[in-house]
Amino acid sequence: MNRNLIFLCAASILGGTALARSQTAPEIKRTPILTAEVSPSKTVDHVQITRLDFKPGQITGRHMHPVPVVGYVESGVFLVKIEGQIQKRYTAGQVIYEPANTTIERYDNGSSTEPAVLIAYYLAGAKDQVLIKFLPPR
């Protein structure tokens, strides 16, 4: 049998198998976990993604961001108090929204014995060079 014909037959069979598999693959489950209004609206031209590793009991102190920040709790527990809101407790799999130019009173590892990890997404524009401003304690 001609080598090219064998190759074409094999490719056809494999291609058909791949196509059949893709048609029977289960649909990906999509679950929205956060919708946050960016106010005032902002042109975002890049996203700075940073992993933050907190030691047991570590605190950040009062701060604010000139850009909106979305944090995904990878592991551990975070205690967060945003100005004008009640303090909340966040655990692995939850997200935290920090509005731009709003004082963050508390953003601490809620465990004195376990580390915590947060993945922070800073929604920045072309002129945003500084992503965090530390504030004096009250």
N, C-alpha and C. Protein backbone atom coordinates (compact mmCIF):
# COMPACT_ATOMS: atom_id res chain seq x y z
N MET A 1 0.85 -1.18 0.00
CA MET A 1 0.00 0.00 0.00
C MET A 1 0.89 1.24 0.00
N ASN A 2 0.49 2.27 -0.66
CA ASN A 2 1.23 3.51 -0.78
C ASN A 2 1.36 4.17 0.60
N ARG A 3 2.59 4.62 0.96
CA ARG A 3 2.84 5.24 2.28
C ARG A 3 1.98 6.48 2.49
N ASN A 4 1.81 7.28 1.44
CA ASN A 4 0.99 8.49 1.57
C ASN A 4 -0.46 8.15 1.85
N LEU A 5 -0.96 7.10 1.23
CA LEU A 5 -2.33 6.68 1.45
C LEU A 5 -2.51 6.20 2.89
N ILE A 6 -1.53 5.44 3.40
CA ILE A 6 -1.59 4.98 4.79
C ILE A 6 -1.60 6.18 5.73
N PHE A 7 -0.74 7.16 5.47
CA PHE A 7 -0.68 8.36 6.30
C PHE A 7 -2.02 9.10 6.28
N LEU A 8 -2.60 9.27 5.10
CA LEU A 8 -3.88 9.97 4.98
C LEU A 8 -4.99 9.22 5.71
N CYS A 9 -5.00 7.90 5.61
CA CYS A 9 -6.01 7.10 6.31
C CYS A 9 -5.85 7.26 7.82
N ALA A 10 -4.61 7.18 8.30
CA ALA A 10 -4.35 7.30 9.74
C ALA A 10 -4.75 8.70 10.23
N ALA A 11 -4.40 9.72 9.47
CA ALA A 11 -4.74 11.09 9.86
C ALA A 11 -6.25 11.27 9.89
N SER A 12 -6.93 10.69 8.92
CA SER A 12 -8.38 10.80 8.86
C SER A 12 -9.03 10.12 10.06
N ILE A 13 -8.55 8.94 10.41
CA ILE A 13 -9.10 8.20 11.55
C ILE A 13 -8.83 8.96 12.84
N LEU A 14 -7.59 9.39 13.04
CA LEU A 14 -7.24 10.12 14.26
C LEU A 14 -7.99 11.45 14.34
N GLY A 15 -8.07 12.15 13.22
CA GLY A 15 -8.79 13.42 13.20
C GLY A 15 -10.25 13.22 13.53
N GLY A 16 -10.84 12.19 13.00
CA GLY A 16 -12.24 11.87 13.28
C GLY A 16 -12.44 11.53 14.74
N THR A 17 -11.49 10.80 15.34
CA THR A 17 -11.58 10.45 16.76
C THR A 17 -11.50 11.71 17.62
N ALA A 18 -10.57 12.61 17.28
CA ALA A 18 -10.43 13.85 18.05
C ALA A 18 -11.69 14.69 17.93
N LEU A 19 -12.27 14.74 16.74
CA LEU A 19 -13.49 15.52 16.54
C LEU A 19 -14.63 14.93 17.36
N ALA A 20 -14.76 13.60 17.32
CA ALA A 20 -15.83 12.95 18.09
C ALA A 20 -15.64 13.21 19.58
N ARG A 21 -14.40 13.16 20.07
CA ARG A 21 -14.14 13.41 21.48
C ARG A 21 -14.51 14.84 21.87
N SER A 22 -14.18 15.80 21.01
CA SER A 22 -14.47 17.19 21.35
C SER A 22 -15.97 17.46 21.37
N GLN A 23 -16.73 16.72 20.58
CA GLN A 23 -18.17 16.92 20.54
C GLN A 23 -18.86 16.31 21.76
N THR A 24 -18.22 15.35 22.41
CA THR A 24 -18.85 14.71 23.56
C THR A 24 -18.28 15.20 24.89
N ALA A 25 -17.32 16.12 24.85
CA ALA A 25 -16.73 16.64 26.09
C ALA A 25 -17.79 17.39 26.89
N PRO A 26 -17.78 17.22 28.21
CA PRO A 26 -18.78 17.93 29.02
C PRO A 26 -18.54 19.44 28.97
N GLU A 27 -19.63 20.17 29.09
CA GLU A 27 -19.54 21.62 29.09
C GLU A 27 -18.84 22.09 30.36
N ILE A 28 -18.03 23.12 30.24
CA ILE A 28 -17.34 23.68 31.39
C ILE A 28 -18.35 24.45 32.23
N LYS A 29 -18.35 24.20 33.53
CA LYS A 29 -19.24 24.91 34.44
C LYS A 29 -18.63 26.27 34.75
N ARG A 30 -19.38 27.32 34.53
CA ARG A 30 -18.92 28.68 34.80
C ARG A 30 -19.79 29.27 35.91
N THR A 31 -19.14 29.68 37.00
CA THR A 31 -19.86 30.24 38.15
C THR A 31 -19.33 31.63 38.44
N PRO A 32 -20.10 32.67 38.19
CA PRO A 32 -19.63 34.02 38.52
C PRO A 32 -19.38 34.14 40.02
N ILE A 33 -18.26 34.75 40.39
CA ILE A 33 -17.98 34.92 41.82
C ILE A 33 -17.84 36.38 42.22
N LEU A 34 -17.76 37.29 41.26
CA LEU A 34 -17.69 38.70 41.61
C LEU A 34 -18.08 39.54 40.40
N THR A 35 -18.95 40.51 40.64
CA THR A 35 -19.20 41.58 39.68
C THR A 35 -19.06 42.86 40.49
N ALA A 36 -18.09 43.68 40.13
CA ALA A 36 -17.83 44.90 40.88
C ALA A 36 -17.85 46.09 39.94
N GLU A 37 -18.56 47.13 40.34
CA GLU A 37 -18.61 48.34 39.55
C GLU A 37 -17.33 49.13 39.78
N VAL A 38 -16.66 49.50 38.71
CA VAL A 38 -15.46 50.32 38.81
C VAL A 38 -15.93 51.77 38.72
N SER A 39 -15.90 52.45 39.87
CA SER A 39 -16.42 53.80 39.93
C SER A 39 -15.43 54.70 40.66
N PRO A 40 -15.00 55.78 40.06
CA PRO A 40 -15.37 56.21 38.71
C PRO A 40 -14.77 55.25 37.68
N SER A 41 -15.39 55.24 36.50
CA SER A 41 -14.92 54.32 35.47
C SER A 41 -13.46 54.65 35.12
N LYS A 42 -12.78 53.67 34.60
CA LYS A 42 -11.34 53.79 34.39
C LYS A 42 -10.93 53.04 33.14
N THR A 43 -9.99 53.58 32.41
CA THR A 43 -9.42 52.86 31.28
C THR A 43 -8.30 51.98 31.81
N VAL A 44 -8.45 50.70 31.63
CA VAL A 44 -7.44 49.75 32.08
C VAL A 44 -6.66 49.29 30.85
N ASP A 45 -5.33 49.49 30.88
CA ASP A 45 -4.56 49.02 29.73
C ASP A 45 -3.62 47.87 30.10
N HIS A 46 -3.57 47.55 31.41
CA HIS A 46 -2.83 46.35 31.82
C HIS A 46 -3.28 45.91 33.20
N VAL A 47 -3.06 44.64 33.47
CA VAL A 47 -3.38 44.06 34.77
C VAL A 47 -2.09 43.54 35.37
N GLN A 48 -1.75 44.05 36.54
CA GLN A 48 -0.58 43.57 37.28
C GLN A 48 -1.08 42.48 38.22
N ILE A 49 -0.60 41.26 38.06
CA ILE A 49 -1.02 40.15 38.92
C ILE A 49 0.14 39.80 39.84
N THR A 50 -0.14 39.79 41.15
CA THR A 50 0.90 39.58 42.14
C THR A 50 0.44 38.55 43.17
N ARG A 51 1.32 37.63 43.50
CA ARG A 51 1.05 36.66 44.58
C ARG A 51 1.58 37.25 45.87
N LEU A 52 0.72 37.31 46.89
CA LEU A 52 1.09 37.84 48.19
C LEU A 52 1.07 36.71 49.21
N ASP A 53 2.21 36.40 49.78
CA ASP A 53 2.34 35.35 50.79
C ASP A 53 2.39 35.98 52.16
N PHE A 54 1.36 35.74 52.97
CA PHE A 54 1.29 36.27 54.32
C PHE A 54 1.77 35.21 55.31
N LYS A 55 2.61 35.61 56.23
CA LYS A 55 3.02 34.72 57.32
C LYS A 55 1.89 34.64 58.33
N PRO A 56 1.90 33.64 59.20
CA PRO A 56 0.86 33.56 60.23
C PRO A 56 0.76 34.87 61.01
N GLY A 57 -0.46 35.39 61.14
CA GLY A 57 -0.68 36.61 61.90
C GLY A 57 -0.23 37.90 61.24
N GLN A 58 0.28 37.85 60.02
CA GLN A 58 0.81 39.05 59.37
C GLN A 58 -0.30 40.03 59.01
N ILE A 59 0.01 41.31 59.23
CA ILE A 59 -0.94 42.38 58.91
C ILE A 59 -0.34 43.30 57.86
N THR A 60 -1.21 44.04 57.15
CA THR A 60 -0.69 44.97 56.15
C THR A 60 -0.65 46.40 56.65
N GLY A 61 -1.52 46.73 57.56
CA GLY A 61 -1.64 48.13 57.98
C GLY A 61 -2.55 48.89 57.04
N ARG A 62 -2.93 50.09 57.45
CA ARG A 62 -3.83 50.91 56.64
C ARG A 62 -3.16 51.28 55.32
N HIS A 63 -3.95 51.19 54.26
CA HIS A 63 -3.43 51.53 52.94
C HIS A 63 -4.57 51.84 51.98
N MET A 64 -4.20 52.27 50.79
CA MET A 64 -5.17 52.45 49.72
C MET A 64 -4.46 52.20 48.40
N HIS A 65 -5.26 52.00 47.38
CA HIS A 65 -4.73 51.78 46.03
C HIS A 65 -5.31 52.84 45.11
N PRO A 66 -4.49 53.42 44.23
CA PRO A 66 -5.02 54.37 43.26
C PRO A 66 -5.75 53.67 42.11
N VAL A 67 -5.74 52.35 42.13
CA VAL A 67 -6.41 51.54 41.10
C VAL A 67 -7.31 50.51 41.79
N PRO A 68 -8.35 50.04 41.12
CA PRO A 68 -9.15 48.96 41.70
C PRO A 68 -8.31 47.68 41.78
N VAL A 69 -8.56 46.89 42.83
CA VAL A 69 -7.83 45.64 43.02
C VAL A 69 -8.83 44.52 43.31
N VAL A 70 -8.64 43.41 42.63
CA VAL A 70 -9.43 42.21 42.91
C VAL A 70 -8.46 41.18 43.45
N GLY A 71 -8.78 40.62 44.63
CA GLY A 71 -7.92 39.61 45.24
C GLY A 71 -8.62 38.26 45.29
N TYR A 72 -7.91 37.22 44.91
CA TYR A 72 -8.43 35.85 44.99
C TYR A 72 -7.70 35.14 46.12
N VAL A 73 -8.44 34.64 47.10
CA VAL A 73 -7.83 33.95 48.23
C VAL A 73 -7.49 32.53 47.79
N GLU A 74 -6.21 32.28 47.63
CA GLU A 74 -5.76 30.95 47.23
C GLU A 74 -5.77 29.99 48.41
N SER A 75 -5.33 30.48 49.57
CA SER A 75 -5.34 29.64 50.77
C SER A 75 -5.35 30.53 52.00
N GLY A 76 -5.83 29.96 53.10
CA GLY A 76 -5.83 30.69 54.36
C GLY A 76 -7.10 31.50 54.57
N VAL A 77 -6.99 32.43 55.52
CA VAL A 77 -8.11 33.27 55.94
C VAL A 77 -7.63 34.72 55.98
N PHE A 78 -8.45 35.63 55.45
CA PHE A 78 -8.14 37.05 55.50
C PHE A 78 -9.25 37.79 56.21
N LEU A 79 -8.86 38.74 57.06
CA LEU A 79 -9.80 39.65 57.71
C LEU A 79 -9.62 41.00 57.04
N VAL A 80 -10.70 41.51 56.46
CA VAL A 80 -10.62 42.73 55.65
C VAL A 80 -11.66 43.73 56.12
N LYS A 81 -11.21 44.97 56.32
CA LYS A 81 -12.10 46.07 56.69
C LYS A 81 -11.83 47.22 55.73
N ILE A 82 -12.81 47.46 54.86
CA ILE A 82 -12.73 48.56 53.90
C ILE A 82 -13.54 49.71 54.47
N GLU A 83 -12.99 50.92 54.38
CA GLU A 83 -13.65 52.11 54.91
C GLU A 83 -15.12 52.16 54.49
N GLY A 84 -16.01 52.37 55.48
CA GLY A 84 -17.43 52.49 55.21
C GLY A 84 -18.16 51.16 55.12
N GLN A 85 -17.44 50.05 55.30
CA GLN A 85 -18.05 48.72 55.24
C GLN A 85 -17.77 47.97 56.54
N ILE A 86 -18.50 46.89 56.78
CA ILE A 86 -18.21 46.07 57.95
C ILE A 86 -17.01 45.18 57.65
N GLN A 87 -16.32 44.76 58.70
CA GLN A 87 -15.20 43.83 58.53
C GLN A 87 -15.74 42.49 58.04
N LYS A 88 -15.02 41.87 57.10
CA LYS A 88 -15.43 40.58 56.56
C LYS A 88 -14.29 39.58 56.65
N ARG A 89 -14.67 38.32 56.68
CA ARG A 89 -13.72 37.19 56.72
C ARG A 89 -13.80 36.47 55.38
N TYR A 90 -12.65 36.28 54.74
CA TYR A 90 -12.59 35.63 53.44
C TYR A 90 -11.73 34.37 53.54
N THR A 91 -12.16 33.31 52.88
CA THR A 91 -11.42 32.04 52.90
C THR A 91 -11.12 31.60 51.47
N ALA A 92 -10.36 30.52 51.35
CA ALA A 92 -9.92 30.01 50.05
C ALA A 92 -11.07 29.90 49.07
N GLY A 93 -10.84 30.41 47.85
CA GLY A 93 -11.83 30.37 46.79
C GLY A 93 -12.69 31.62 46.70
N GLN A 94 -12.62 32.48 47.70
CA GLN A 94 -13.42 33.71 47.67
C GLN A 94 -12.61 34.85 47.08
N VAL A 95 -13.31 35.90 46.65
CA VAL A 95 -12.64 37.07 46.09
C VAL A 95 -12.96 38.32 46.91
N ILE A 96 -12.03 39.26 46.85
CA ILE A 96 -12.14 40.50 47.60
C ILE A 96 -11.97 41.65 46.62
N TYR A 97 -12.84 42.63 46.67
CA TYR A 97 -12.72 43.80 45.80
C TYR A 97 -12.34 45.01 46.64
N GLU A 98 -11.26 45.67 46.24
CA GLU A 98 -10.82 46.91 46.89
C GLU A 98 -11.02 48.05 45.90
N PRO A 99 -11.96 48.94 46.16
CA PRO A 99 -12.16 50.06 45.25
C PRO A 99 -10.96 51.00 45.28
N ALA A 100 -10.74 51.68 44.17
CA ALA A 100 -9.64 52.64 44.08
C ALA A 100 -9.87 53.80 45.03
N ASN A 101 -8.78 54.34 45.55
CA ASN A 101 -8.79 55.54 46.38
C ASN A 101 -9.72 55.43 47.59
N THR A 102 -9.79 54.24 48.16
CA THR A 102 -10.59 53.99 49.36
C THR A 102 -9.68 53.41 50.42
N THR A 103 -9.77 53.90 51.64
CA THR A 103 -8.90 53.41 52.71
C THR A 103 -9.25 51.97 53.07
N ILE A 104 -8.23 51.15 53.13
CA ILE A 104 -8.36 49.78 53.58
C ILE A 104 -7.84 49.79 55.01
N GLU A 105 -8.75 49.68 55.97
CA GLU A 105 -8.39 49.77 57.38
C GLU A 105 -7.65 48.52 57.86
N ARG A 106 -8.04 47.37 57.31
CA ARG A 106 -7.45 46.11 57.75
C ARG A 106 -7.44 45.13 56.59
N TYR A 107 -6.33 44.44 56.42
CA TYR A 107 -6.19 43.40 55.40
C TYR A 107 -5.15 42.43 55.95
N ASP A 108 -5.60 41.55 56.83
CA ASP A 108 -4.68 40.76 57.64
C ASP A 108 -4.90 39.26 57.48
N ASN A 109 -3.82 38.51 57.72
CA ASN A 109 -3.96 37.06 57.80
C ASN A 109 -4.75 36.79 59.09
N GLY A 110 -5.89 36.12 58.97
CA GLY A 110 -6.75 35.88 60.11
C GLY A 110 -6.32 34.73 60.99
N SER A 111 -5.21 34.06 60.66
CA SER A 111 -4.72 32.95 61.47
C SER A 111 -3.37 33.30 62.08
N SER A 112 -3.21 33.00 63.35
CA SER A 112 -1.92 33.23 64.01
C SER A 112 -0.99 32.02 63.85
N THR A 113 -1.50 30.93 63.24
CA THR A 113 -0.69 29.71 63.12
C THR A 113 -0.46 29.25 61.67
N GLU A 114 -1.29 29.71 60.73
CA GLU A 114 -1.20 29.25 59.34
C GLU A 114 -0.90 30.40 58.39
N PRO A 115 -0.10 30.16 57.34
CA PRO A 115 0.11 31.20 56.33
C PRO A 115 -1.15 31.39 55.49
N ALA A 116 -1.18 32.44 54.70
CA ALA A 116 -2.29 32.72 53.79
C ALA A 116 -1.72 33.25 52.48
N VAL A 117 -2.38 32.93 51.38
CA VAL A 117 -1.90 33.37 50.07
C VAL A 117 -3.04 34.06 49.32
N LEU A 118 -2.72 35.22 48.77
CA LEU A 118 -3.68 35.99 47.99
C LEU A 118 -3.07 36.27 46.62
N ILE A 119 -3.86 36.13 45.56
CA ILE A 119 -3.45 36.54 44.23
C ILE A 119 -4.18 37.86 43.96
N ALA A 120 -3.42 38.95 43.80
CA ALA A 120 -3.99 40.28 43.61
C ALA A 120 -3.90 40.70 42.15
N TYR A 121 -5.02 41.20 41.63
CA TYR A 121 -5.11 41.69 40.25
C TYR A 121 -5.32 43.20 40.31
N TYR A 122 -4.29 43.97 39.97
CA TYR A 122 -4.34 45.42 39.99
C TYR A 122 -4.76 45.89 38.59
N LEU A 123 -5.90 46.58 38.50
CA LEU A 123 -6.44 47.03 37.22
C LEU A 123 -5.88 48.42 36.94
N ALA A 124 -4.81 48.49 36.18
CA ALA A 124 -4.05 49.73 36.04
C ALA A 124 -4.16 50.34 34.65
N GLY A 125 -3.99 51.64 34.62
CA GLY A 125 -3.94 52.39 33.37
C GLY A 125 -2.51 52.76 33.04
N ALA A 126 -2.34 53.41 31.90
CA ALA A 126 -1.00 53.74 31.39
C ALA A 126 -0.20 54.60 32.37
N LYS A 127 -0.86 55.49 33.11
CA LYS A 127 -0.15 56.41 34.00
C LYS A 127 -0.02 55.90 35.42
N ASP A 128 -0.58 54.73 35.72
CA ASP A 128 -0.53 54.20 37.09
C ASP A 128 0.80 53.51 37.35
N GLN A 129 1.66 54.19 38.09
CA GLN A 129 2.98 53.65 38.43
C GLN A 129 3.00 53.07 39.84
N VAL A 130 2.34 53.75 40.77
CA VAL A 130 2.29 53.32 42.16
C VAL A 130 0.98 52.57 42.37
N LEU A 131 1.06 51.33 42.90
CA LEU A 131 -0.12 50.52 43.05
C LEU A 131 -0.64 50.45 44.49
N ILE A 132 0.17 50.90 45.46
CA ILE A 132 -0.27 50.90 46.85
C ILE A 132 0.36 52.08 47.58
N LYS A 133 -0.45 52.70 48.45
CA LYS A 133 0.02 53.81 49.28
C LYS A 133 -0.28 53.43 50.73
N PHE A 134 0.76 53.34 51.55
CA PHE A 134 0.56 53.03 52.97
C PHE A 134 0.16 54.31 53.71
N LEU A 135 -0.77 54.16 54.66
CA LEU A 135 -1.29 55.29 55.41
C LEU A 135 -0.89 55.16 56.87
N PRO A 136 -0.81 56.29 57.60
CA PRO A 136 -0.47 56.21 59.02
C PRO A 136 -1.58 55.48 59.81
N PRO A 137 -1.19 54.78 60.87
CA PRO A 137 -2.21 54.11 61.69
C PRO A 137 -3.11 55.13 62.38
N ARG A 138 -4.30 54.69 62.74
CA ARG A 138 -5.23 55.58 63.46
C ARG A 138 -5.13 55.33 64.94
